[in-house]
Every structure is written in C-alpha cells, then in structure tokens.
Protein backbone atom coordinates (compact mmCIF):
# COMPACT_ATOMS: atom_id res chain seq x y z
CA MET A 1 -13.84 59.24 78.67
CA SER A 2 -13.77 59.76 82.42
CA GLY A 3 -14.05 57.04 84.98
CA SER A 4 -15.49 56.99 88.50
CA VAL A 5 -14.36 59.76 90.84
CA CYS A 6 -15.27 59.00 94.46
CA SER A 7 -13.94 60.32 97.74
CA SER A 8 -11.78 57.95 99.71
CA ALA A 9 -13.79 58.69 102.84
CA GLY A 10 -16.98 57.71 101.09
CA GLN A 11 -18.68 60.97 102.09
CA ALA A 12 -19.01 62.46 98.59
CA PRO A 13 -21.21 60.74 95.99
CA CYS A 14 -19.60 58.85 93.12
CA LEU A 15 -19.59 61.37 90.27
CA SER A 16 -19.69 58.66 87.62
CA LYS A 17 -22.73 57.05 89.21
CA ASP A 18 -24.44 60.42 89.45
CA LYS A 19 -23.76 61.02 85.76
CA LEU A 20 -25.30 57.68 84.88
CA SER A 21 -28.39 58.48 86.94
CA ILE A 22 -28.71 61.90 85.34
CA ASN A 23 -28.37 60.47 81.82
CA LEU A 24 -30.93 57.72 82.39
CA ALA A 25 -33.39 60.06 84.09
CA ARG A 26 -33.64 62.04 80.83
CA ILE A 27 -34.66 58.93 78.85
CA LYS A 28 -38.31 57.95 79.17
CA HIS A 29 -38.19 54.44 77.69
CA LYS A 30 -35.28 52.03 77.24
CA ILE A 31 -35.81 49.32 74.61
CA VAL A 32 -33.20 46.55 74.35
CA VAL A 33 -33.29 44.45 71.18
CA LEU A 34 -31.68 41.06 71.65
CA SER A 35 -31.66 37.46 70.49
CA GLY A 36 -30.02 34.26 71.62
CA LYS A 37 -29.19 33.50 68.00
CA GLY A 38 -26.91 35.33 65.58
CA GLY A 39 -27.95 36.01 62.00
CA VAL A 40 -31.62 36.65 62.73
CA GLY A 41 -31.54 40.29 61.57
CA LYS A 42 -31.55 41.81 65.02
CA SER A 43 -29.62 44.94 63.99
CA THR A 44 -31.97 45.46 61.05
CA VAL A 45 -34.96 45.24 63.39
CA ALA A 46 -33.37 47.60 65.94
CA THR A 47 -32.42 50.15 63.28
CA ASN A 48 -35.80 50.16 61.56
CA LEU A 49 -37.53 50.30 64.96
CA ALA A 50 -35.50 53.36 65.94
CA VAL A 51 -36.13 55.10 62.61
CA GLY A 52 -39.84 54.23 62.75
CA LEU A 53 -40.16 55.71 66.25
CA SER A 54 -38.36 58.87 65.14
CA GLN A 55 -40.57 59.23 62.07
CA ALA A 56 -43.60 59.05 64.37
CA GLY A 57 -42.32 62.20 66.10
CA SER A 58 -40.41 60.71 69.03
CA GLN A 59 -36.94 61.81 70.04
CA VAL A 60 -34.83 58.66 69.77
CA GLY A 61 -31.32 57.43 70.51
CA LEU A 62 -29.88 54.26 68.95
CA LEU A 63 -27.00 52.60 70.81
CA ASP A 64 -25.09 49.77 69.11
CA VAL A 65 -23.08 47.74 71.64
CA ASP A 66 -22.26 44.80 69.39
CA VAL A 67 -18.50 45.02 69.94
CA HIS A 68 -17.47 42.35 67.44
CA GLY A 69 -19.98 43.10 64.70
CA PRO A 70 -21.31 46.68 64.87
CA SER A 71 -23.73 46.91 61.95
CA VAL A 72 -25.67 50.07 62.73
CA PRO A 73 -23.24 52.57 61.11
CA ARG A 74 -23.46 50.70 57.80
CA LEU A 75 -27.23 50.27 58.00
CA LEU A 76 -27.61 54.03 58.45
CA LYS A 77 -24.84 55.04 56.01
CA LEU A 78 -22.84 56.56 58.84
CA ASN A 79 -19.60 54.68 58.14
CA GLY A 80 -16.55 56.74 58.91
CA GLU A 81 -18.36 59.22 61.14
CA VAL A 82 -16.43 60.35 64.20
CA PRO A 83 -18.42 61.36 67.31
CA ARG A 84 -17.77 64.85 68.63
CA SER A 85 -17.54 65.73 72.30
CA ASP A 86 -18.10 68.75 74.49
CA GLU A 87 -17.68 69.53 78.17
CA ALA A 88 -20.70 67.37 78.99
CA GLY A 89 -19.46 64.22 77.25
CA LEU A 90 -19.60 62.33 73.97
CA LEU A 91 -22.23 63.49 71.48
CA PRO A 92 -24.32 61.02 69.44
CA VAL A 93 -23.85 61.12 65.68
CA PRO A 94 -27.01 62.68 64.20
CA TRP A 95 -28.91 60.70 61.57
CA SER A 96 -31.78 63.18 61.65
CA ASP A 97 -33.00 65.87 64.02
CA LYS A 98 -35.02 63.14 65.76
CA LEU A 99 -32.46 60.33 65.84
CA GLY A 100 -28.95 60.24 67.30
CA VAL A 101 -26.64 57.23 67.05
CA MET A 102 -23.70 55.84 68.99
CA SER A 103 -21.80 52.67 68.08
CA VAL A 104 -18.58 50.86 68.84
CA GLY A 105 -18.15 50.99 65.06
CA PHE A 106 -17.49 54.75 65.25
CA LEU A 107 -14.45 54.08 67.43
CA VAL A 108 -12.80 51.55 65.08
CA ARG A 109 -10.95 53.35 62.32
CA ASP A 110 -10.55 50.32 60.01
CA ASP A 111 -13.73 48.44 59.08
CA ASN A 112 -11.62 45.34 58.40
CA GLU A 113 -9.97 45.42 61.82
CA ALA A 114 -11.02 42.68 64.24
CA VAL A 115 -11.95 43.90 67.72
CA ILE A 116 -10.21 41.45 70.05
CA TRP A 117 -11.44 42.35 73.51
CA ARG A 118 -12.00 40.21 76.57
CA GLY A 119 -15.15 40.47 78.69
CA PRO A 120 -13.97 43.15 81.15
CA ARG A 121 -13.00 45.54 78.37
CA LYS A 122 -16.32 44.99 76.59
CA THR A 123 -18.33 45.73 79.72
CA SER A 124 -16.10 48.74 80.39
CA ILE A 125 -16.86 50.36 77.01
CA ILE A 126 -20.58 49.71 77.52
CA ASP A 127 -20.38 51.27 80.97
CA GLN A 128 -18.63 54.32 79.51
CA PHE A 129 -21.20 54.65 76.74
CA MET A 130 -24.01 54.64 79.29
CA ARG A 131 -22.31 57.28 81.46
CA GLU A 132 -20.52 59.50 78.94
CA VAL A 133 -22.83 59.76 75.91
CA THR A 134 -24.93 62.90 76.21
CA TRP A 135 -28.26 61.84 74.71
CA GLY A 136 -30.29 64.72 76.09
CA GLU A 137 -34.03 64.35 76.50
CA LEU A 138 -35.22 61.16 74.77
CA ASP A 139 -38.56 59.45 74.37
CA PHE A 140 -36.78 56.20 73.50
CA LEU A 141 -33.31 54.73 73.69
CA VAL A 142 -33.09 51.64 71.47
CA VAL A 143 -30.12 49.37 72.25
CA ASP A 144 -28.87 46.83 69.71
CA CYS A 145 -27.17 44.02 71.67
CA PRO A 146 -24.95 41.24 70.32
CA PRO A 147 -26.45 37.74 70.21
CA GLY A 148 -26.43 35.49 73.24
CA THR A 149 -26.80 35.97 76.96
CA GLY A 150 -23.25 37.01 77.83
CA ASP A 151 -21.46 40.06 79.18
CA GLU A 152 -22.90 42.74 76.91
CA PRO A 153 -26.64 41.99 77.27
CA LEU A 154 -26.22 41.35 80.99
CA SER A 155 -24.37 44.64 81.51
CA ILE A 156 -26.92 46.63 79.51
CA LEU A 157 -29.96 45.15 81.25
CA GLN A 158 -28.44 45.70 84.67
CA GLN A 159 -27.57 49.32 83.83
CA LEU A 160 -31.02 50.19 82.47
CA GLN A 161 -33.20 48.59 85.12
CA PRO A 162 -35.77 49.03 86.49
CA ASP A 163 -37.52 50.73 83.53
CA VAL A 164 -36.24 48.65 80.61
CA HIS A 165 -38.24 46.63 78.07
CA VAL A 166 -36.90 43.89 75.80
CA VAL A 167 -37.80 43.11 72.19
CA VAL A 168 -36.68 39.59 71.29
CA VAL A 169 -35.96 38.73 67.63
CA THR A 170 -36.15 35.24 66.15
CA THR A 171 -36.55 33.56 62.79
CA PRO A 172 -39.20 30.88 62.32
CA GLN A 173 -37.07 27.72 62.31
CA GLU A 174 -36.60 25.68 65.46
CA VAL A 175 -32.79 26.02 65.50
CA ALA A 176 -33.27 29.76 66.13
CA VAL A 177 -36.33 29.41 68.35
CA ALA A 178 -34.44 27.08 70.72
CA ASP A 179 -31.78 29.74 71.34
CA VAL A 180 -34.32 32.53 71.64
CA ARG A 181 -36.23 30.50 74.20
CA ARG A 182 -33.13 30.71 76.37
CA SER A 183 -33.02 34.48 75.85
CA ILE A 184 -36.50 34.77 77.31
CA SER A 185 -35.45 32.73 80.33
CA PHE A 186 -32.40 34.98 80.65
CA CYS A 187 -34.58 38.11 80.68
CA ARG A 188 -36.81 36.64 83.36
CA THR A 189 -33.83 35.64 85.46
CA VAL A 190 -32.45 39.20 85.46
CA GLY A 191 -35.91 40.73 85.90
CA ALA A 192 -36.20 42.48 82.52
CA PRO A 193 -39.80 42.62 81.21
CA ILE A 194 -40.31 41.41 77.64
CA LEU A 195 -42.28 43.75 75.40
CA GLY A 196 -42.69 41.01 72.79
CA ILE A 197 -41.25 38.74 70.12
CA VAL A 198 -40.58 39.69 66.50
CA GLU A 199 -40.47 36.90 63.91
CA ASN A 200 -38.03 38.09 61.25
CA MET A 201 -37.50 36.47 57.82
CA SER A 202 -41.04 35.17 58.16
CA GLY A 203 -41.54 33.88 54.64
CA TYR A 204 -40.12 35.15 51.35
CA ALA A 205 -41.84 38.18 49.89
CA CYS A 206 -41.77 38.03 46.09
CA PRO A 207 -40.59 41.44 44.78
CA HIS A 208 -42.83 41.10 41.71
CA CYS A 209 -46.20 39.98 43.04
CA GLY A 210 -45.81 40.45 46.80
CA GLN A 211 -46.85 36.88 47.58
CA VAL A 212 -45.15 35.43 50.68
CA GLU A 213 -43.86 31.85 50.62
CA ASN A 214 -42.51 30.06 53.69
CA ILE A 215 -38.94 28.96 53.03
CA PHE A 216 -38.21 28.31 56.70
CA SER A 217 -40.57 26.63 59.16
CA ALA A 218 -43.67 28.71 59.73
CA ASP A 219 -44.89 30.38 62.95
CA GLY A 220 -41.86 29.66 65.13
CA GLY A 221 -42.09 33.08 66.77
CA VAL A 222 -45.86 32.89 67.16
CA ASN A 223 -45.67 29.49 68.83
CA LEU A 224 -42.79 30.56 71.07
CA ALA A 225 -44.74 33.63 72.23
CA ALA A 226 -47.70 31.43 73.14
CA GLU A 227 -45.48 28.84 74.85
CA MET A 228 -43.58 31.43 76.92
CA ASP A 229 -46.64 33.62 77.54
CA VAL A 230 -45.22 36.80 76.05
CA PRO A 231 -46.75 39.14 73.43
CA PHE A 232 -46.16 38.52 69.74
CA LEU A 233 -45.32 41.83 68.06
CA GLY A 234 -45.47 40.69 64.44
CA ARG A 235 -43.76 39.16 61.41
CA ILE A 236 -41.30 40.73 58.99
CA PRO A 237 -40.95 38.84 55.69
CA LEU A 238 -37.65 38.05 54.02
CA ASP A 239 -37.79 40.84 51.46
CA PRO A 240 -34.97 41.28 48.89
CA GLN A 241 -35.58 45.03 48.96
CA LEU A 242 -35.04 45.08 52.72
CA VAL A 243 -31.72 43.26 52.29
CA LYS A 244 -30.63 45.60 49.50
CA SER A 245 -31.54 48.72 51.46
CA GLY A 246 -29.49 47.52 54.43
CA ASP A 247 -26.43 46.90 52.25
CA GLN A 248 -26.77 50.38 50.74
CA GLY A 249 -27.39 52.14 54.07
CA ASN A 250 -30.90 53.20 53.09
CA VAL A 251 -33.23 52.44 55.99
CA PHE A 252 -36.12 50.44 54.61
CA VAL A 253 -38.84 51.86 56.83
CA ASN A 254 -37.79 55.27 55.55
CA GLY A 255 -39.06 54.33 52.10
CA THR A 256 -42.42 53.82 50.47
CA GLN A 257 -45.08 53.38 53.11
CA ASP A 258 -47.38 51.16 51.01
CA ASN A 259 -44.76 48.38 50.85
CA PRO A 260 -46.03 45.29 52.78
CA THR A 261 -42.71 44.92 54.60
CA VAL A 262 -42.73 48.57 55.69
CA GLU A 263 -46.30 48.06 56.91
CA ALA A 264 -45.15 45.00 58.86
CA ILE A 265 -42.37 47.00 60.52
CA ASN A 266 -44.76 49.82 61.37
CA ARG A 267 -47.10 47.32 63.06
CA ILE A 268 -44.17 46.37 65.31
CA VAL A 269 -43.35 50.03 65.99
CA ALA A 270 -46.94 50.75 67.11
CA PRO A 271 -46.95 48.89 70.48
CA VAL A 272 -43.58 50.45 71.34
CA LEU A 273 -45.01 53.90 70.63
CA ASN A 274 -47.89 53.07 72.96
CA LEU A 275 -45.45 53.09 75.88
CA ASN A 276 -45.00 56.82 75.32
CA ARG A 277 -48.72 57.42 74.97
CA GLN A 278 -49.38 55.70 78.28
CA ASP A 279 -47.24 58.22 80.19
C-alpha cells in the first residue's frame, strides 16, 4: 500500500490526503460500532447491521479494524479470502453484490497467529485501510472497532469526522454498562455523535417456546441511554441460534424473518436506514 507523497516545497497537495478525501466523499454515511467492554457481541451486531442494511437495498461496506481479534471474516464465512487489488487500490472482498468487506483478518495467513503490534503500527494499518481500500459509492460504511477507547477507535473517529455516527453496544449488567458509560464520554470528547445504544444479550430466548428470561441484570442499556441522554436503539436477546449461526459463518439476520431475534435486529437497522432516507 502506498504512503503519503507530498512535495518538499509544500506547493503540491498531499496525494495520500487527497485519496482519503476522495474515498470518504463517495461514502454517504459512516457508522462506527464500538463498546468500552469486550465480549458484548459488538462484531455480531456490526455484521448483522451491515447485512441488514444491504438486504434493505443499500450499498454497504464493512470494515473490521479489530487488529487483535478480527471476527468478521469468520462471521461471514470469508476465512482464507485474500483481497485483490487494482491500479486504484485494495478491493473489498465481496460477500454479496451489495456488501463488500475488509478486515485485518484477511492479511493474517494463520488464524492461530497472534498479531503483536504496538500502537503506531495499528494506527498505520487503519490509516492505510481508510486511504487505500477502494469502496466505490456506498450508502453506508460500517466499522467494527475493538473494545475500549484506545488507538484504533480514536484513529477511526478522527478519520471519519465530521459525518460519522456511533452505535454503542452493551450488555445489561452493570460491569459492562460502567465501561460503556466511558465510551459515551469518549465519543463526546472527540465530537462524534451517538446514533444510539444497543443492549445485546438482553435476556435468554428459549429456542423451543421463544420466551425470554433475564439471566443478566435487566434494562442496563435502557437505563444508560436515559442517564446519558442518548437514543436507545433496541434489545437483542441471547439466542442460541444466533450464537450457532455466528460460529458457522451464517449471518443470522440473513435467515428466517419471523424469528424474534431477527425482528429485534431489524428494529435496530431501521433508524440507521433512516439516515439515508433523510438525504
């Protein structure tokens, strides 16, 4: 991938910066999915959100910048895919004609290999992804960030401003909510507007009768949204079928539409779609 090419006299524009501007100008809406807590199902939410948007007719890109735990290739059954390139740059791996995918996981040849990178190298690969991946014309770019408020989320939010929106994922229990509360403060500090909060694993959905039982504390995401004055996008239950589909690389929202969990995901997709309808 190419780096910055600027004239020493400072008279010519920085070609890398121009390429970034050109790439971002072709993307209508940038949606960053993040959480201050690991293990809340953030990648599952990001992947199903991207697929749901594409199934609604939008042209979508899904960018996975979780350097140490890139889950998107497995969730979409794209393990082992190698991105192609042309004279314009690196091409997203197609999942469908409406959804293209790029992930750090595509660049690691051994799934069992640990990625041992310091902060500067992580931000460098994110910077190159933003400049060099040729997404084309997109309605939405969904970005799956690693947990926390460190280098990767900060780099992404700074790159995508001013027209970026954040979806924050939590689980109901207070140990997760406390970390996610800090994520909201982080977004406000860097000036990134929050589209809303998703409460994942919100009760256990029985695969036989469909009844939902709370196995964690209830309403953590709802209460946090009210406390922090941000929209609440909805709940996704802890559904064994959702877990199984992720392990098998079969996107859950791509399945039967009368499933309560699919309906819950689609309710979260709807307000994101509204951004496109407001244009």
